Each structure stands twice: as C-alpha cells, then as structure tokens.
Amino acid sequence: MFQKMADEAEENEEAKAKWDQFYTNYSTNLKLGVIEDRINKHRLSKLLRFHSSKVDSLTGLDDYVSRMKEKQEQIYYIGGQDVETLAASPLVERLLKKGYEVLYLTEPIDEYLAPGIGSYDGKYPMVNVGREGLKLDEEKEDEERFNEEYSDLVDFLKDYHSSRLEKVVVSTRLTKSPSAIVSNSWGYT
C-alpha cells in the first residue's frame, strides 16, 4: 500500500500532496522499520526520501541511483542539523565540485538509518562523508605528494593538539577550506 502511494505521487499532484503529508507524519516510523525489520528493509528503503545536493525536493534512493555518475559505485551522504549547514560543509566540497550528488540527512535517526541500510539494492554502499577514509579515484598520487610536502605541519599539529585530536592527516577531500574535522570510521558524526 505504501509503495502504491509513493508510485502514484510520481504521476499526479494530488497524490503527491497526500504522499508528502504521509511521509512528513510517518518518516521516522519508516526509518525505524528499515533499521529493525531486516525482512522488509529493502522494500521500506525504497520509500525513504532525503534532501539532496542536486534536487530541491525530497528524493528517493532509486532516483539518486538513476542520477549517479558513470562508474560511481557508492551513495554519498552527510548528516547534520539542516540542509543549509550541510551544503556549506567543507566535507562535501570536492564531491560537489566533481559533480557527485550528496544526500543531506537532517533527522537524528538518520545517523542509525544509513548504516542500517548498508548497501542499497545490495550493490550501492552508503558512505558517510563526515567520517575518515573517503577516497575518490584520482587522489592517491596527490595524497602521497601532499603527505611529503606537509609532513612538518602534520607533526606540529600532532604535537600541539595531541590531547584533543586522535590523529592528524593530510587529505585531498577539501578544495577551498584549509582544514576539517571528521570522526573516525566507527564514531558518531
């Protein structure tokens, strides 16, 4: 029944208004279903909607996948308080510059939801750009060069901030911002 409502919303404005109202009221319940109901996780995840860097209205994961760049194998997302803050985050700079779409997850439950989805459709892993380890294809050569070039700065920052930071690394993920803080692979963002 929910899938039918979502499909009809694609076809006409009246059905879209009904779906939007339903989703506004019950999105948290749908997200809890994805997290807790492993049998129906795949079906429920098709109903989810998120803010996006590419479209003004909420978008589903199927729509995201249809807009993915050639050879893109991951769904990129970042979580936070609101769309404006997330869109201005230094953590999405390189992705947006390269034309990748980033989902903006703005509800507190989303921190648990995305790992609960795991891989959408069994082939597109959800990747949090607010965590360490984000790698884009062409970065390896630049990363080696930058590690060598900025080794003195990294050593200084490690010594100066040793009590406040777990580690300091050179990254190629930024384009305009001089630095950014990310959480570790398994921490909360």
Protein backbone atom coordinates (compact mmCIF):
# COMPACT_ATOMS: atom_id res chain seq x y z
CA MET A 1 0.00 0.00 0.00
CA PHE A 2 2.82 2.43 0.87
CA GLN A 3 4.65 1.66 -2.36
CA LYS A 4 1.48 2.24 -4.33
CA MET A 5 1.05 5.65 -2.64
CA ALA A 6 4.65 6.56 -3.46
CA ASP A 7 4.30 5.44 -7.09
CA GLU A 8 1.07 7.42 -7.55
CA ALA A 9 2.81 10.51 -6.14
CA GLU A 10 5.12 10.41 -9.16
CA GLU A 11 2.15 10.63 -11.50
CA ASN A 12 -0.07 13.47 -10.22
CA GLU A 13 -0.04 16.46 -7.89
CA GLU A 14 -2.96 15.40 -5.68
CA ALA A 15 -1.33 12.05 -4.93
CA LYS A 16 2.00 13.81 -4.37
CA ALA A 17 0.42 16.10 -1.76
CA LYS A 18 -1.04 13.06 0.04
CA TRP A 19 2.29 11.22 -0.07
CA ASP A 20 4.19 14.27 1.18
CA GLN A 21 1.78 14.61 4.13
CA PHE A 22 2.04 10.89 4.88
CA TYR A 23 5.83 10.99 4.67
CA THR A 24 6.03 14.07 6.90
CA ASN A 25 3.95 12.29 9.54
CA TYR A 26 5.49 8.81 9.34
CA SER A 27 9.05 9.10 8.00
CA THR A 28 10.55 8.30 11.40
CA ASN A 29 8.44 5.13 11.58
CA LEU A 30 9.53 4.08 8.10
CA LYS A 31 13.16 4.67 9.08
CA LEU A 32 12.72 2.62 12.25
CA GLY A 33 11.26 -0.13 10.06
CA VAL A 34 14.39 -0.13 7.88
CA ILE A 35 16.59 -0.39 10.98
CA GLU A 36 14.59 -3.07 12.80
CA ASP A 37 12.78 -5.13 10.14
CA ARG A 38 15.50 -6.98 8.25
CA ILE A 39 12.99 -8.94 6.17
CA ASN A 40 11.31 -5.81 4.76
CA LYS A 41 14.35 -3.50 4.90
CA HIS A 42 14.79 -3.47 1.12
CA ARG A 43 11.13 -2.67 0.43
CA LEU A 44 10.98 0.02 3.11
CA SER A 45 14.21 1.68 1.99
CA LYS A 46 12.61 2.34 -1.41
CA LEU A 47 10.09 4.60 0.37
CA LEU A 48 12.67 6.81 2.06
CA ARG A 49 13.17 10.41 0.95
CA PHE A 50 16.08 12.75 1.64
CA HIS A 51 17.26 16.25 0.83
CA SER A 52 19.89 16.31 -1.90
CA SER A 53 22.58 18.49 -3.40
CA LYS A 54 21.06 18.02 -6.88
CA VAL A 55 17.30 18.50 -6.47
CA ASP A 56 15.20 20.95 -4.48
CA SER A 57 12.54 18.49 -3.33
CA LEU A 58 13.00 15.31 -1.32
CA THR A 59 14.39 12.45 -3.37
CA GLY A 60 14.38 8.67 -3.08
CA LEU A 61 17.31 6.32 -3.32
CA ASP A 62 16.13 4.93 -6.68
CA ASP A 63 16.18 8.47 -8.09
CA TYR A 64 19.65 9.05 -6.61
CA VAL A 65 20.94 5.87 -8.25
CA SER A 66 19.45 6.90 -11.61
CA ARG A 67 21.44 10.17 -11.43
CA MET A 68 24.75 8.60 -10.35
CA LYS A 69 27.82 9.39 -12.39
CA GLU A 70 29.26 6.72 -14.65
CA LYS A 71 31.42 4.29 -12.65
CA GLN A 72 30.10 5.67 -9.33
CA GLU A 73 29.52 2.74 -7.00
CA GLN A 74 28.59 4.44 -3.72
CA ILE A 75 25.81 6.61 -2.33
CA TYR A 76 27.32 9.63 -0.57
CA TYR A 77 25.61 11.25 2.40
CA ILE A 78 26.30 13.60 5.27
CA GLY A 79 24.28 14.09 8.44
CA GLY A 80 23.62 17.25 10.38
CA GLN A 81 21.10 19.75 11.68
CA ASP A 82 19.86 21.40 8.50
CA VAL A 83 20.33 21.44 4.74
CA GLU A 84 21.99 24.87 4.62
CA THR A 85 24.72 23.87 7.07
CA LEU A 86 25.36 20.57 5.31
CA ALA A 87 25.50 22.18 1.86
CA ALA A 88 28.16 24.62 3.13
CA SER A 89 30.22 21.92 4.87
CA PRO A 90 33.87 21.64 3.79
CA LEU A 91 33.41 17.86 3.83
CA VAL A 92 31.29 17.94 0.66
CA GLU A 93 33.42 20.44 -1.30
CA ARG A 94 35.32 18.01 -3.51
CA LEU A 95 32.32 15.75 -4.12
CA LEU A 96 30.17 18.66 -5.27
CA LYS A 97 32.99 20.09 -7.36
CA LYS A 98 33.33 16.75 -9.15
CA GLY A 99 29.59 16.60 -9.80
CA TYR A 100 28.66 13.90 -7.30
CA GLU A 101 25.31 14.09 -5.57
CA VAL A 102 25.30 14.12 -1.77
CA LEU A 103 22.27 13.28 0.35
CA TYR A 104 21.68 15.55 3.32
CA LEU A 105 20.33 13.57 6.27
CA THR A 106 18.80 16.02 8.73
CA GLU A 107 16.91 13.89 11.24
CA PRO A 108 18.62 12.45 14.35
CA ILE A 109 17.51 8.90 13.47
CA ASP A 110 19.42 9.13 10.16
CA GLU A 111 22.73 8.53 11.99
CA TYR A 112 21.45 4.99 12.67
CA LEU A 113 19.47 4.60 9.46
CA ALA A 114 22.23 4.82 6.84
CA PRO A 115 24.39 2.06 8.38
CA GLY A 116 21.15 0.09 8.80
CA ILE A 117 20.57 0.29 5.06
CA GLY A 118 24.13 -0.87 4.44
CA SER A 119 24.15 -1.36 0.69
CA TYR A 120 21.11 -0.12 -1.18
CA ASP A 121 19.79 -2.75 -3.60
CA GLY A 122 22.67 -4.93 -2.42
CA LYS A 123 25.20 -3.07 -4.61
CA TYR A 124 25.44 0.61 -3.61
CA PRO A 125 27.08 1.08 -0.20
CA MET A 126 26.05 4.13 1.82
CA VAL A 127 29.19 6.23 2.50
CA ASN A 128 29.23 8.91 5.20
CA VAL A 129 31.45 11.76 4.02
CA GLY A 130 31.67 13.01 7.61
CA ARG A 131 33.94 10.11 8.54
CA GLU A 132 37.54 9.36 7.79
CA GLY A 133 38.51 7.17 4.87
CA LEU A 134 36.63 8.79 1.99
CA LYS A 135 38.65 8.05 -1.14
CA LEU A 136 37.98 9.21 -4.66
CA ASP A 137 39.74 7.58 -7.63
CA GLU A 138 42.40 10.08 -8.61
CA GLU A 139 43.56 11.06 -5.11
CA LYS A 140 46.37 8.55 -4.48
CA GLU A 141 49.14 10.43 -6.31
CA ASP A 142 48.14 13.79 -4.82
CA GLU A 143 47.90 12.28 -1.35
CA GLU A 144 51.44 10.90 -1.45
CA ARG A 145 52.82 14.21 -2.68
CA PHE A 146 50.90 16.22 -0.06
CA ASN A 147 51.95 13.87 2.76
CA GLU A 148 55.57 14.53 1.90
CA GLU A 149 55.11 18.28 1.35
CA TYR A 150 53.18 18.92 4.58
CA SER A 151 54.87 16.46 6.93
CA ASP A 152 56.29 19.26 9.11
CA LEU A 153 52.85 20.83 9.54
CA VAL A 154 51.29 17.47 10.38
CA ASP A 155 53.98 16.81 13.01
CA PHE A 156 53.45 20.25 14.54
CA LEU A 157 49.66 19.82 14.72
CA LYS A 158 50.01 16.34 16.22
CA ASP A 159 52.28 17.67 18.95
CA TYR A 160 50.30 20.84 19.63
CA HIS A 161 46.84 19.20 19.66
CA SER A 162 47.75 15.72 20.90
CA SER A 163 45.32 15.91 23.82
CA ARG A 164 42.36 16.98 21.64
CA LEU A 165 42.74 15.05 18.39
CA GLU A 166 43.05 11.35 17.77
CA LYS A 167 45.15 11.89 14.66
CA VAL A 168 46.12 14.46 12.05
CA VAL A 169 46.29 13.56 8.37
CA VAL A 170 46.64 15.34 5.06
CA SER A 171 43.56 15.00 2.92
CA THR A 172 42.65 15.76 -0.66
CA ARG A 173 38.92 15.98 0.08
CA LEU A 174 38.92 19.77 0.55
CA THR A 175 39.01 22.33 -2.26
CA LYS A 176 38.50 25.71 -0.55
CA SER A 177 38.72 25.11 3.19
CA PRO A 178 42.12 24.79 4.87
CA SER A 179 41.05 22.05 7.29
CA ALA A 180 38.16 19.95 8.53
CA ILE A 181 37.44 17.65 11.41
CA VAL A 182 35.94 14.23 10.70
CA SER A 183 35.03 11.42 13.01
CA ASN A 184 36.71 8.06 12.88
CA SER A 185 35.31 5.20 10.83
CA TRP A 186 33.03 3.88 13.55
CA GLY A 187 32.29 7.03 15.58
CA TYR A 188 29.24 9.25 15.53
CA THR A 189 29.48 12.29 13.29
